[in-house]
PDB file of N, CA and C in Angstrom:
ATOM      1  N   MET A   1     -40.597 -55.252 -17.201  1.00  0.00           N
ATOM      2  CA  MET A   1     -40.196 -53.912 -17.441  1.00  0.00           C
ATOM      3  C   MET A   1     -41.247 -53.012 -16.842  1.00  0.00           C
ATOM      4  N   LYS A   2     -40.825 -52.015 -16.147  1.00  0.00           N
ATOM      5  CA  LYS A   2     -41.759 -51.106 -15.542  1.00  0.00           C
ATOM      6  C   LYS A   2     -41.648 -49.770 -16.294  1.00  0.00           C
ATOM      7  N   LYS A   3     -42.772 -49.002 -16.401  1.00  0.00           N
ATOM      8  CA  LYS A   3     -42.821 -47.776 -17.071  1.00  0.00           C
ATOM      9  C   LYS A   3     -43.046 -46.681 -16.013  1.00  0.00           C
ATOM     10  N   TYR A   4     -42.298 -45.555 -16.242  1.00  0.00           N
ATOM     11  CA  TYR A   4     -42.369 -44.417 -15.309  1.00  0.00           C
ATOM     12  C   TYR A   4     -42.473 -43.160 -16.087  1.00  0.00           C
ATOM     13  N   GLU A   5     -43.100 -42.181 -15.496  1.00  0.00           N
ATOM     14  CA  GLU A   5     -43.084 -40.798 -16.047  1.00  0.00           C
ATOM     15  C   GLU A   5     -42.281 -39.961 -15.091  1.00  0.00           C
ATOM     16  N   ILE A   6     -41.284 -39.257 -15.675  1.00  0.00           N
ATOM     17  CA  ILE A   6     -40.346 -38.466 -14.838  1.00  0.00           C
ATOM     18  C   ILE A   6     -40.407 -37.014 -15.409  1.00  0.00           C
ATOM     19  N   GLU A   7     -40.479 -36.078 -14.468  1.00  0.00           N
ATOM     20  CA  GLU A   7     -40.428 -34.660 -14.880  1.00  0.00           C
ATOM     21  C   GLU A   7     -39.094 -34.053 -14.410  1.00  0.00           C
ATOM     22  N   ILE A   8     -38.379 -33.372 -15.368  1.00  0.00           N
ATOM     23  CA  ILE A   8     -37.112 -32.754 -15.051  1.00  0.00           C
ATOM     24  C   ILE A   8     -37.241 -31.352 -15.583  1.00  0.00           C
ATOM     25  N   ASP A   9     -37.097 -30.378 -14.765  1.00  0.00           N
ATOM     26  CA  ASP A   9     -37.186 -28.937 -15.130  1.00  0.00           C
ATOM     27  C   ASP A   9     -38.398 -28.674 -16.023  1.00  0.00           C
ATOM     28  N   GLY A  10     -39.531 -29.214 -15.663  1.00  0.00           N
ATOM     29  CA  GLY A  10     -40.735 -29.005 -16.390  1.00  0.00           C
ATOM     30  C   GLY A  10     -40.940 -29.803 -17.641  1.00  0.00           C
ATOM     31  N   GLN A  11     -39.941 -30.548 -18.053  1.00  0.00           N
ATOM     32  CA  GLN A  11     -40.032 -31.448 -19.181  1.00  0.00           C
ATOM     33  C   GLN A  11     -40.394 -32.848 -18.723  1.00  0.00           C
ATOM     34  N   VAL A  12     -41.408 -33.434 -19.300  1.00  0.00           N
ATOM     35  CA  VAL A  12     -41.937 -34.778 -18.898  1.00  0.00           C
ATOM     36  C   VAL A  12     -41.265 -35.860 -19.815  1.00  0.00           C
ATOM     37  N   TYR A  13     -40.715 -36.886 -19.222  1.00  0.00           N
ATOM     38  CA  TYR A  13     -40.142 -38.003 -19.961  1.00  0.00           C
ATOM     39  C   TYR A  13     -40.802 -39.255 -19.568  1.00  0.00           C
ATOM     40  N   HIS A  14     -41.006 -40.171 -20.538  1.00  0.00           N
ATOM     41  CA  HIS A  14     -41.546 -41.490 -20.293  1.00  0.00           C
ATOM     42  C   HIS A  14     -40.345 -42.433 -20.387  1.00  0.00           C
ATOM     43  N   VAL A  15     -40.116 -43.224 -19.350  1.00  0.00           N
ATOM     44  CA  VAL A  15     -38.989 -44.178 -19.367  1.00  0.00           C
ATOM     45  C   VAL A  15     -39.421 -45.560 -19.065  1.00  0.00           C
ATOM     46  N   LYS A  16     -38.664 -46.576 -19.497  1.00  0.00           N
ATOM     47  CA  LYS A  16     -38.885 -47.960 -19.181  1.00  0.00           C
ATOM     48  C   LYS A  16     -37.660 -48.432 -18.433  1.00  0.00           C
ATOM     49  N   VAL A  17     -37.905 -49.094 -17.292  1.00  0.00           N
ATOM     50  CA  VAL A  17     -36.754 -49.597 -16.488  1.00  0.00           C
ATOM     51  C   VAL A  17     -36.915 -51.085 -16.289  1.00  0.00           C
ATOM     52  N   ARG A  18     -35.828 -51.797 -16.628  1.00  0.00           N
ATOM     53  CA  ARG A  18     -35.796 -53.256 -16.496  1.00  0.00           C
ATOM     54  C   ARG A  18     -34.800 -53.677 -15.387  1.00  0.00           C
ATOM     55  N   GLU A  19     -35.205 -54.445 -14.463  1.00  0.00           N
ATOM     56  CA  GLU A  19     -34.312 -54.950 -13.436  1.00  0.00           C
ATOM     57  C   GLU A  19     -33.440 -55.990 -13.940  1.00  0.00           C
ATOM     58  N   LEU A  20     -32.123 -55.961 -13.603  1.00  0.00           N
ATOM     59  CA  LEU A  20     -31.119 -56.861 -14.048  1.00  0.00           C
ATOM     60  C   LEU A  20     -30.693 -57.735 -12.857  1.00  0.00           C
ATOM     61  N   PRO A  21     -30.291 -59.001 -13.149  1.00  0.00           N
ATOM     62  CA  PRO A  21     -29.768 -59.819 -12.074  1.00  0.00           C
ATOM     63  C   PRO A  21     -28.536 -59.250 -11.470  1.00  0.00           C
ATOM     64  N   ASP A  22     -28.239 -59.635 -10.279  1.00  0.00           N
ATOM     65  CA  ASP A  22     -27.112 -59.035  -9.518  1.00  0.00           C
ATOM     66  C   ASP A  22     -25.765 -59.332 -10.296  1.00  0.00           C
ATOM     67  N   ASP A  23     -25.658 -60.409 -11.056  1.00  0.00           N
ATOM     68  CA  ASP A  23     -24.405 -60.749 -11.744  1.00  0.00           C
ATOM     69  C   ASP A  23     -24.300 -60.225 -13.126  1.00  0.00           C
ATOM     70  N   ALA A  24     -25.306 -59.347 -13.549  1.00  0.00           N
ATOM     71  CA  ALA A  24     -25.306 -58.818 -14.877  1.00  0.00           C
ATOM     72  C   ALA A  24     -24.142 -57.869 -15.088  1.00  0.00           C
ATOM     73  N   VAL A  25     -23.566 -57.958 -16.277  1.00  0.00           N
ATOM     74  CA  VAL A  25     -22.483 -57.039 -16.616  1.00  0.00           C
ATOM     75  C   VAL A  25     -23.065 -55.770 -17.201  1.00  0.00           C
ATOM     76  N   MET A  26     -22.694 -54.648 -16.635  1.00  0.00           N
ATOM     77  CA  MET A  26     -23.264 -53.403 -17.074  1.00  0.00           C
ATOM     78  C   MET A  26     -22.559 -52.869 -18.284  1.00  0.00           C
ATOM     79  N   THR A  27     -23.254 -52.622 -19.386  1.00  0.00           N
ATOM     80  CA  THR A  27     -22.638 -52.030 -20.599  1.00  0.00           C
ATOM     81  C   THR A  27     -23.541 -50.880 -21.052  1.00  0.00           C
ATOM     82  N   GLU A  28     -22.939 -49.954 -21.731  1.00  0.00           N
ATOM     83  CA  GLU A  28     -23.679 -48.783 -22.154  1.00  0.00           C
ATOM     84  C   GLU A  28     -24.452 -49.178 -23.410  1.00  0.00           C
ATOM     85  N   GLN A  29     -25.737 -48.876 -23.445  1.00  0.00           N
ATOM     86  CA  GLN A  29     -26.566 -49.189 -24.599  1.00  0.00           C
ATOM     87  C   GLN A  29     -26.769 -47.948 -25.419  1.00  0.00           C
ATOM     88  N   PRO A  30     -26.826 -48.120 -26.766  1.00  0.00           N
ATOM     89  CA  PRO A  30     -27.076 -46.928 -27.567  1.00  0.00           C
ATOM     90  C   PRO A  30     -28.428 -46.272 -27.249  1.00  0.00           C
ATOM     91  N   LYS A  31     -28.543 -45.000 -27.424  1.00  0.00           N
ATOM     92  CA  LYS A  31     -29.838 -44.293 -27.207  1.00  0.00           C
ATOM     93  C   LYS A  31     -30.835 -44.655 -28.235  1.00  0.00           C
ATOM     94  N   ALA A  32     -32.114 -44.522 -27.956  1.00  0.00           N
ATOM     95  CA  ALA A  32     -33.183 -44.984 -28.888  1.00  0.00           C
ATOM     96  C   ALA A  32     -33.054 -44.267 -30.250  1.00  0.00           C
ATOM     97  N   ASP A  33     -32.547 -43.046 -30.272  1.00  0.00           N
ATOM     98  CA  ASP A  33     -32.496 -42.260 -31.574  1.00  0.00           C
ATOM     99  C   ASP A  33     -31.191 -42.574 -32.319  1.00  0.00           C
ATOM    100  N   SER A  34     -30.464 -43.572 -31.902  1.00  0.00           N
ATOM    101  CA  SER A  34     -29.161 -43.832 -32.570  1.00  0.00           C
ATOM    102  C   SER A  34     -29.408 -44.555 -33.916  1.00  0.00           C
ATOM    103  N   GLY A  35     -30.593 -45.024 -34.219  1.00  0.00           N
ATOM    104  CA  GLY A  35     -30.851 -45.728 -35.416  1.00  0.00           C
ATOM    105  C   GLY A  35     -30.672 -47.237 -35.371  1.00  0.00           C
ATOM    106  N   LYS A  36     -30.249 -47.702 -34.187  1.00  0.00           N
ATOM    107  CA  LYS A  36     -30.030 -49.143 -33.956  1.00  0.00           C
ATOM    108  C   LYS A  36     -31.300 -49.758 -33.383  1.00  0.00           C
ATOM    109  N   SER A  37     -31.580 -50.958 -33.769  1.00  0.00           N
ATOM    110  CA  SER A  37     -32.735 -51.678 -33.260  1.00  0.00           C
ATOM    111  C   SER A  37     -32.226 -52.543 -32.068  1.00  0.00           C
ATOM    112  N   THR A  38     -33.242 -53.141 -31.365  1.00  0.00           N
ATOM    113  CA  THR A  38     -32.910 -54.066 -30.237  1.00  0.00           C
ATOM    114  C   THR A  38     -31.954 -55.216 -30.720  1.00  0.00           C
ATOM    115  N   ALA A  39     -32.234 -55.622 -31.982  1.00  0.00           N
ATOM    116  CA  ALA A  39     -31.410 -56.736 -32.519  1.00  0.00           C
ATOM    117  C   ALA A  39     -29.944 -56.340 -32.516  1.00  0.00           C
ATOM    118  N   ASP A  40     -29.641 -55.139 -32.789  1.00  0.00           N
ATOM    119  CA  ASP A  40     -28.240 -54.657 -32.873  1.00  0.00           C
ATOM    120  C   ASP A  40     -27.608 -54.571 -31.543  1.00  0.00           C
ATOM    121  N   VAL A  41     -28.344 -54.379 -30.489  1.00  0.00           N
ATOM    122  CA  VAL A  41     -27.742 -54.293 -29.163  1.00  0.00           C
ATOM    123  C   VAL A  41     -27.963 -55.493 -28.307  1.00  0.00           C
ATOM    124  N   ALA A  42     -28.532 -56.565 -28.823  1.00  0.00           N
ATOM    125  CA  ALA A  42     -28.792 -57.808 -28.125  1.00  0.00           C
ATOM    126  C   ALA A  42     -27.473 -58.382 -27.674  1.00  0.00           C
ATOM    127  N   PRO A  43     -27.431 -59.053 -26.512  1.00  0.00           N
ATOM    128  CA  PRO A  43     -26.214 -59.639 -26.044  1.00  0.00           C
ATOM    129  C   PRO A  43     -25.790 -60.806 -26.943  1.00  0.00           C
ATOM    130  N   GLN A  44     -25.080 -60.517 -27.980  1.00  0.00           N
ATOM    131  CA  GLN A  44     -24.775 -61.597 -28.983  1.00  0.00           C
ATOM    132  C   GLN A  44     -23.475 -61.266 -29.622  1.00  0.00           C
ATOM    133  N   THR A  45     -22.776 -62.286 -30.094  1.00  0.00           N
ATOM    134  CA  THR A  45     -21.580 -62.088 -30.879  1.00  0.00           C
ATOM    135  C   THR A  45     -21.818 -62.638 -32.273  1.00  0.00           C
ATOM    136  N   GLU A  46     -22.659 -63.683 -32.384  1.00  0.00           N
ATOM    137  CA  GLU A  46     -22.961 -64.293 -33.649  1.00  0.00           C
ATOM    138  C   GLU A  46     -24.404 -64.680 -33.669  1.00  0.00           C
ATOM    139  N   GLY A  47     -24.917 -64.828 -34.826  1.00  0.00           N
ATOM    140  CA  GLY A  47     -26.371 -65.253 -34.965  1.00  0.00           C
ATOM    141  C   GLY A  47     -27.295 -64.101 -35.160  1.00  0.00           C
ATOM    142  N   LYS A  48     -28.552 -64.582 -35.287  1.00  0.00           N
ATOM    143  CA  LYS A  48     -29.629 -63.624 -35.570  1.00  0.00           C
ATOM    144  C   LYS A  48     -30.601 -63.565 -34.393  1.00  0.00           C
ATOM    145  N   ALA A  49     -30.938 -62.410 -33.933  1.00  0.00           N
ATOM    146  CA  ALA A  49     -31.857 -62.283 -32.812  1.00  0.00           C
ATOM    147  C   ALA A  49     -33.312 -62.402 -33.308  1.00  0.00           C
ATOM    148  N   MET A  50     -34.056 -63.252 -32.693  1.00  0.00           N
ATOM    149  CA  MET A  50     -35.520 -63.334 -32.973  1.00  0.00           C
ATOM    150  C   MET A  50     -36.168 -62.362 -31.955  1.00  0.00           C
ATOM    151  N   LEU A  51     -36.912 -61.386 -32.540  1.00  0.00           N
ATOM    152  CA  LEU A  51     -37.501 -60.317 -31.716  1.00  0.00           C
ATOM    153  C   LEU A  51     -38.958 -60.495 -31.437  1.00  0.00           C
ATOM    154  N   ALA A  52     -39.387 -59.988 -30.295  1.00  0.00           N
ATOM    155  CA  ALA A  52     -40.832 -60.020 -29.977  1.00  0.00           C
ATOM    156  C   ALA A  52     -41.564 -58.992 -30.895  1.00  0.00           C
ATOM    157  N   PRO A  53     -42.559 -59.405 -31.598  1.00  0.00           N
ATOM    158  CA  PRO A  53     -43.259 -58.502 -32.521  1.00  0.00           C
ATOM    159  C   PRO A  53     -44.163 -57.462 -31.758  1.00  0.00           C
ATOM    160  N   MET A  54     -44.335 -57.761 -30.437  1.00  0.00           N
ATOM    161  CA  MET A  54     -45.218 -56.883 -29.626  1.00  0.00           C
ATOM    162  C   MET A  54     -44.877 -57.102 -28.182  1.00  0.00           C
ATOM    163  N   ALA A  55     -45.282 -56.251 -27.322  1.00  0.00           N
ATOM    164  CA  ALA A  55     -45.139 -56.430 -25.880  1.00  0.00           C
ATOM    165  C   ALA A  55     -46.084 -57.569 -25.440  1.00  0.00           C
ATOM    166  N   GLY A  56     -45.658 -58.300 -24.483  1.00  0.00           N
ATOM    167  CA  GLY A  56     -46.503 -59.407 -23.961  1.00  0.00           C
ATOM    168  C   GLY A  56     -45.763 -60.203 -22.895  1.00  0.00           C
ATOM    169  N   THR A  57     -46.300 -61.453 -22.673  1.00  0.00           N
ATOM    170  CA  THR A  57     -45.759 -62.346 -21.662  1.00  0.00           C
ATOM    171  C   THR A  57     -45.369 -63.674 -22.366  1.00  0.00           C
ATOM    172  N   VAL A  58     -44.160 -64.167 -22.009  1.00  0.00           N
ATOM    173  CA  VAL A  58     -43.723 -65.485 -22.558  1.00  0.00           C
ATOM    174  C   VAL A  58     -44.496 -66.542 -21.880  1.00  0.00           C
ATOM    175  N   LEU A  59     -45.397 -67.239 -22.635  1.00  0.00           N
ATOM    176  CA  LEU A  59     -46.126 -68.367 -22.042  1.00  0.00           C
ATOM    177  C   LEU A  59     -45.343 -69.664 -22.085  1.00  0.00           C
ATOM    178  N   ARG A  60     -44.794 -70.025 -23.226  1.00  0.00           N
ATOM    179  CA  ARG A  60     -44.039 -71.281 -23.403  1.00  0.00           C
ATOM    180  C   ARG A  60     -42.857 -71.058 -24.277  1.00  0.00           C
ATOM    181  N   ILE A  61     -41.796 -71.792 -23.941  1.00  0.00           N
ATOM    182  CA  ILE A  61     -40.530 -71.815 -24.799  1.00  0.00           C
ATOM    183  C   ILE A  61     -40.548 -73.238 -25.358  1.00  0.00           C
ATOM    184  N   LEU A  62     -40.628 -73.345 -26.664  1.00  0.00           N
ATOM    185  CA  LEU A  62     -40.810 -74.637 -27.293  1.00  0.00           C
ATOM    186  C   LEU A  62     -39.513 -75.291 -27.827  1.00  0.00           C
ATOM    187  N   VAL A  63     -38.334 -74.581 -27.556  1.00  0.00           N
ATOM    188  CA  VAL A  63     -37.063 -75.109 -28.052  1.00  0.00           C
ATOM    189  C   VAL A  63     -36.043 -75.012 -26.925  1.00  0.00           C
ATOM    190  N   LYS A  64     -34.984 -75.648 -27.144  1.00  0.00           N
ATOM    191  CA  LYS A  64     -33.841 -75.692 -26.159  1.00  0.00           C
ATOM    192  C   LYS A  64     -32.599 -75.176 -26.888  1.00  0.00           C
ATOM    193  N   GLU A  65     -31.635 -74.621 -26.090  1.00  0.00           N
ATOM    194  CA  GLU A  65     -30.374 -74.233 -26.664  1.00  0.00           C
ATOM    195  C   GLU A  65     -29.683 -75.377 -27.276  1.00  0.00           C
ATOM    196  N   GLY A  66     -29.130 -75.167 -28.489  1.00  0.00           N
ATOM    197  CA  GLY A  66     -28.423 -76.196 -29.234  1.00  0.00           C
ATOM    198  C   GLY A  66     -29.412 -76.989 -30.156  1.00  0.00           C
ATOM    199  N   GLN A  67     -30.698 -76.742 -30.080  1.00  0.00           N
ATOM    200  CA  GLN A  67     -31.646 -77.418 -30.954  1.00  0.00           C
ATOM    201  C   GLN A  67     -31.628 -76.885 -32.328  1.00  0.00           C
ATOM    202  N   ARG A  68     -31.656 -77.750 -33.312  1.00  0.00           N
ATOM    203  CA  ARG A  68     -31.717 -77.358 -34.739  1.00  0.00           C
ATOM    204  C   ARG A  68     -33.147 -77.113 -35.041  1.00  0.00           C
ATOM    205  N   VAL A  69     -33.480 -75.952 -35.754  1.00  0.00           N
ATOM    206  CA  VAL A  69     -34.832 -75.601 -36.155  1.00  0.00           C
ATOM    207  C   VAL A  69     -34.884 -75.360 -37.597  1.00  0.00           C
ATOM    208  N   LYS A  70     -36.068 -75.521 -38.120  1.00  0.00           N
ATOM    209  CA  LYS A  70     -36.326 -75.265 -39.565  1.00  0.00           C
ATOM    210  C   LYS A  70     -37.176 -73.970 -39.726  1.00  0.00           C
ATOM    211  N   LYS A  71     -37.057 -73.316 -40.829  1.00  0.00           N
ATOM    212  CA  LYS A  71     -37.826 -72.161 -41.134  1.00  0.00           C
ATOM    213  C   LYS A  71     -39.321 -72.481 -40.915  1.00  0.00           C
ATOM    214  N   GLY A  72     -40.023 -71.626 -40.198  1.00  0.00           N
ATOM    215  CA  GLY A  72     -41.468 -71.778 -39.926  1.00  0.00           C
ATOM    216  C   GLY A  72     -41.734 -72.534 -38.703  1.00  0.00           C
ATOM    217  N   GLU A  73     -40.759 -73.106 -38.023  1.00  0.00           N
ATOM    218  CA  GLU A  73     -40.996 -73.916 -36.816  1.00  0.00           C
ATOM    219  C   GLU A  73     -41.331 -73.030 -35.594  1.00  0.00           C
ATOM    220  N   ASN A  74     -42.237 -73.383 -34.776  1.00  0.00           N
ATOM    221  CA  ASN A  74     -42.579 -72.600 -33.629  1.00  0.00           C
ATOM    222  C   ASN A  74     -41.463 -72.601 -32.571  1.00  0.00           C
ATOM    223  N   LEU A  75     -41.082 -71.422 -32.078  1.00  0.00           N
ATOM    224  CA  LEU A  75     -40.065 -71.262 -31.060  1.00  0.00           C
ATOM    225  C   LEU A  75     -40.610 -70.932 -29.690  1.00  0.00           C
ATOM    226  N   ILE A  76     -41.444 -69.860 -29.693  1.00  0.00           N
ATOM    227  CA  ILE A  76     -41.935 -69.350 -28.405  1.00  0.00           C
ATOM    228  C   ILE A  76     -43.410 -68.990 -28.619  1.00  0.00           C
ATOM    229  N   VAL A  77     -44.145 -69.135 -27.524  1.00  0.00           N
ATOM    230  CA  VAL A  77     -45.584 -68.703 -27.552  1.00  0.00           C
ATOM    231  C   VAL A  77     -45.605 -67.455 -26.617  1.00  0.00           C
ATOM    232  N   LEU A  78     -46.071 -66.361 -27.161  1.00  0.00           N
ATOM    233  CA  LEU A  78     -46.153 -65.043 -26.497  1.00  0.00           C
ATOM    234  C   LEU A  78     -47.623 -64.707 -26.391  1.00  0.00           C
ATOM    235  N   GLU A  79     -48.017 -64.299 -25.173  1.00  0.00           N
ATOM    236  CA  GLU A  79     -49.395 -63.874 -25.001  1.00  0.00           C
ATOM    237  C   GLU A  79     -49.372 -62.304 -25.012  1.00  0.00           C
ATOM    238  N   ALA A  80     -50.253 -61.773 -25.819  1.00  0.00           N
ATOM    239  CA  ALA A  80     -50.367 -60.334 -25.920  1.00  0.00           C
ATOM    240  C   ALA A  80     -51.868 -60.034 -26.129  1.00  0.00           C
ATOM    241  N   MET A  81     -52.464 -59.151 -25.397  1.00  0.00           N
ATOM    242  CA  MET A  81     -53.834 -58.754 -25.454  1.00  0.00           C
ATOM    243  C   MET A  81     -54.807 -60.009 -25.447  1.00  0.00           C
ATOM    244  N   LYS A  82     -54.443 -60.956 -24.534  1.00  0.00           N
ATOM    245  CA  LYS A  82     -55.262 -62.142 -24.287  1.00  0.00           C
ATOM    246  C   LYS A  82     -55.282 -63.094 -25.505  1.00  0.00           C
ATOM    247  N   MET A  83     -54.320 -62.932 -26.365  1.00  0.00           N
ATOM    248  CA  MET A  83     -54.161 -63.861 -27.523  1.00  0.00           C
ATOM    249  C   MET A  83     -52.833 -64.459 -27.484  1.00  0.00           C
ATOM    250  N   GLU A  84     -52.752 -65.757 -27.927  1.00  0.00           N
ATOM    251  CA  GLU A  84     -51.480 -66.445 -28.006  1.00  0.00           C
ATOM    252  C   GLU A  84     -50.882 -66.275 -29.405  1.00  0.00           C
ATOM    253  N   ASN A  85     -49.695 -65.778 -29.475  1.00  0.00           N
ATOM    254  CA  ASN A  85     -48.942 -65.513 -30.718  1.00  0.00           C
ATOM    255  C   ASN A  85     -47.691 -66.444 -30.759  1.00  0.00           C
ATOM    256  N   GLU A  86     -47.597 -67.140 -31.858  1.00  0.00           N
ATOM    257  CA  GLU A  86     -46.467 -68.064 -32.004  1.00  0.00           C
ATOM    258  C   GLU A  86     -45.388 -67.335 -32.716  1.00  0.00           C
ATOM    259  N   ILE A  87     -44.188 -67.389 -32.109  1.00  0.00           N
ATOM    260  CA  ILE A  87     -42.995 -66.741 -32.709  1.00  0.00           C
ATOM    261  C   ILE A  87     -42.300 -67.891 -33.457  1.00  0.00           C
ATOM    262  N   VAL A  88     -42.121 -67.754 -34.756  1.00  0.00           N
ATOM    263  CA  VAL A  88     -41.563 -68.821 -35.578  1.00  0.00           C
ATOM    264  C   VAL A  88     -40.152 -68.425 -36.137  1.00  0.00           C
ATOM    265  N   ALA A  89     -39.425 -69.475 -36.439  1.00  0.00           N
ATOM    266  CA  ALA A  89     -38.096 -69.248 -37.054  1.00  0.00           C
ATOM    267  C   ALA A  89     -38.281 -68.705 -38.447  1.00  0.00           C
ATOM    268  N   ASP A  90     -37.540 -67.652 -38.772  1.00  0.00           N
ATOM    269  CA  ASP A  90     -37.686 -67.176 -40.110  1.00  0.00           C
ATOM    270  C   ASP A  90     -36.556 -67.689 -41.042  1.00  0.00           C
ATOM    271  N   GLU A  91     -35.798 -68.572 -40.507  1.00  0.00           N
ATOM    272  CA  GLU A  91     -34.772 -69.280 -41.305  1.00  0.00           C
ATOM    273  C   GLU A  91     -34.347 -70.502 -40.580  1.00  0.00           C
ATOM    274  N   ASP A  92     -33.709 -71.492 -41.320  1.00  0.00           N
ATOM    275  CA  ASP A  92     -33.142 -72.676 -40.659  1.00  0.00           C
ATOM    276  C   ASP A  92     -31.944 -72.270 -39.794  1.00  0.00           C
ATOM    277  N   GLY A  93     -31.737 -72.965 -38.735  1.00  0.00           N
ATOM    278  CA  GLY A  93     -30.634 -72.606 -37.900  1.00  0.00           C
ATOM    279  C   GLY A  93     -30.554 -73.495 -36.593  1.00  0.00           C
ATOM    280  N   VAL A  94     -29.763 -73.081 -35.691  1.00  0.00           N
ATOM    281  CA  VAL A  94     -29.566 -73.730 -34.428  1.00  0.00           C
ATOM    282  C   VAL A  94     -29.845 -72.664 -33.350  1.00  0.00           C
ATOM    283  N   VAL A  95     -30.577 -73.017 -32.264  1.00  0.00           N
ATOM    284  CA  VAL A  95     -30.873 -72.094 -31.205  1.00  0.00           C
ATOM    285  C   VAL A  95     -29.563 -71.938 -30.384  1.00  0.00           C
ATOM    286  N   ARG A  96     -28.924 -70.814 -30.522  1.00  0.00           N
ATOM    287  CA  ARG A  96     -27.652 -70.528 -29.863  1.00  0.00           C
ATOM    288  C   ARG A  96     -27.842 -70.117 -28.394  1.00  0.00           C
ATOM    289  N   ARG A  97     -28.856 -69.312 -28.159  1.00  0.00           N
ATOM    290  CA  ARG A  97     -29.055 -68.798 -26.803  1.00  0.00           C
ATOM    291  C   ARG A  97     -30.498 -68.368 -26.666  1.00  0.00           C
ATOM    292  N   ILE A  98     -31.115 -68.737 -25.533  1.00  0.00           N
ATOM    293  CA  ILE A  98     -32.490 -68.265 -25.162  1.00  0.00           C
ATOM    294  C   ILE A  98     -32.303 -67.119 -24.137  1.00  0.00           C
ATOM    295  N   LEU A  99     -32.867 -66.022 -24.437  1.00  0.00           N
ATOM    296  CA  LEU A  99     -32.658 -64.803 -23.627  1.00  0.00           C
ATOM    297  C   LEU A  99     -33.803 -64.476 -22.639  1.00  0.00           C
ATOM    298  N   VAL A 100     -34.850 -65.298 -22.729  1.00  0.00           N
ATOM    299  CA  VAL A 100     -36.015 -65.099 -21.815  1.00  0.00           C
ATOM    300  C   VAL A 100     -36.403 -66.376 -21.187  1.00  0.00           C
ATOM    301  N   LYS A 101     -37.304 -66.289 -20.214  1.00  0.00           N
ATOM    302  CA  LYS A 101     -37.803 -67.545 -19.565  1.00  0.00           C
ATOM    303  C   LYS A 101     -39.320 -67.369 -19.541  1.00  0.00           C
ATOM    304  N   GLU A 102     -39.981 -68.482 -19.280  1.00  0.00           N
ATOM    305  CA  GLU A 102     -41.431 -68.492 -19.166  1.00  0.00           C
ATOM    306  C   GLU A 102     -41.898 -67.498 -18.104  1.00  0.00           C
ATOM    307  N   ASN A 103     -43.008 -66.767 -18.411  1.00  0.00           N
ATOM    308  CA  ASN A 103     -43.633 -65.763 -17.490  1.00  0.00           C
ATOM    309  C   ASN A 103     -42.915 -64.421 -17.512  1.00  0.00           C
ATOM    310  N   ASP A 104     -41.851 -64.313 -18.317  1.00  0.00           N
ATOM    311  CA  ASP A 104     -41.202 -62.986 -18.460  1.00  0.00           C
ATOM    312  C   ASP A 104     -42.071 -62.054 -19.290  1.00  0.00           C
ATOM    313  N   SER A 105     -42.132 -60.786 -18.855  1.00  0.00           N
ATOM    314  CA  SER A 105     -42.757 -59.740 -19.639  1.00  0.00           C
ATOM    315  C   SER A 105     -41.716 -59.161 -20.597  1.00  0.00           C
ATOM    316  N   VAL A 106     -42.063 -59.071 -21.863  1.00  0.00           N
ATOM    317  CA  VAL A 106     -41.163 -58.564 -22.901  1.00  0.00           C
ATOM    318  C   VAL A 106     -41.792 -57.345 -23.567  1.00  0.00           C
ATOM    319  N   GLU A 107     -40.944 -56.549 -24.071  1.00  0.00           N
ATOM    320  CA  GLU A 107     -41.352 -55.314 -24.812  1.00  0.00           C
ATOM    321  C   GLU A 107     -41.275 -55.626 -26.312  1.00  0.00           C
ATOM    322  N   SER A 108     -41.976 -54.854 -27.099  1.00  0.00           N
ATOM    323  CA  SER A 108     -41.853 -54.918 -28.545  1.00  0.00           C
ATOM    324  C   SER A 108     -40.444 -54.802 -28.988  1.00  0.00           C
ATOM    325  N   ASP A 109     -39.983 -55.643 -29.917  1.00  0.00           N
ATOM    326  CA  ASP A 109     -38.588 -55.610 -30.429  1.00  0.00           C
ATOM    327  C   ASP A 109     -37.558 -56.085 -29.492  1.00  0.00           C
ATOM    328  N   GLN A 110     -37.960 -56.680 -28.372  1.00  0.00           N
ATOM    329  CA  GLN A 110     -36.932 -57.206 -27.436  1.00  0.00           C
ATOM    330  C   GLN A 110     -36.465 -58.558 -28.004  1.00  0.00           C
ATOM    331  N   ALA A 111     -35.139 -58.819 -27.929  1.00  0.00           N
ATOM    332  CA  ALA A 111     -34.595 -60.062 -28.349  1.00  0.00           C
ATOM    333  C   ALA A 111     -35.072 -61.189 -27.465  1.00  0.00           C
ATOM    334  N   LEU A 112     -35.609 -62.266 -28.052  1.00  0.00           N
ATOM    335  CA  LEU A 112     -36.076 -63.407 -27.301  1.00  0.00           C
ATOM    336  C   LEU A 112     -35.103 -64.554 -27.297  1.00  0.00           C
ATOM    337  N   LEU A 113     -34.493 -64.810 -28.491  1.00  0.00           N
ATOM    338  CA  LEU A 113     -33.452 -65.805 -28.518  1.00  0.00           C
ATOM    339  C   LEU A 113     -32.562 -65.526 -29.761  1.00  0.00           C
ATOM    340  N   ILE A 114     -31.471 -66.193 -29.765  1.00  0.00           N
ATOM    341  CA  ILE A 114     -30.466 -66.033 -30.898  1.00  0.00           C
ATOM    342  C   ILE A 114     -30.390 -67.312 -31.651  1.00  0.00           C
ATOM    343  N   LEU A 115     -30.617 -67.211 -33.025  1.00  0.00           N
ATOM    344  CA  LEU A 115     -30.387 -68.389 -33.917  1.00  0.00           C
ATOM    345  C   LEU A 115     -29.003 -68.319 -34.466  1.00  0.00           C
TER     346      LEU A 115
END
């Protein structure tokens, strides 16, 4: 995700822009002040989104889609501020969908996978 500063009619705005793949379906996302979190707008129909606790880079994905996981099991290793942070399952479940890949840059509260 890239960050930009844009000035419109003397008002300065800070925006984040994420490049989507060519085959991505465009849907309208709620505005940041709508009260919804990233988990609410994650591309999901069922399950719970596991969110990045901070901005960083995905170093390793330790699970596969369809894999059964237990509460406390390591799912993803995220590097932030030169430290490795383990993202763990907060409940038992099955990995329904992995939304990131290794070396992806992620933002705080971005959905990483769906349990």
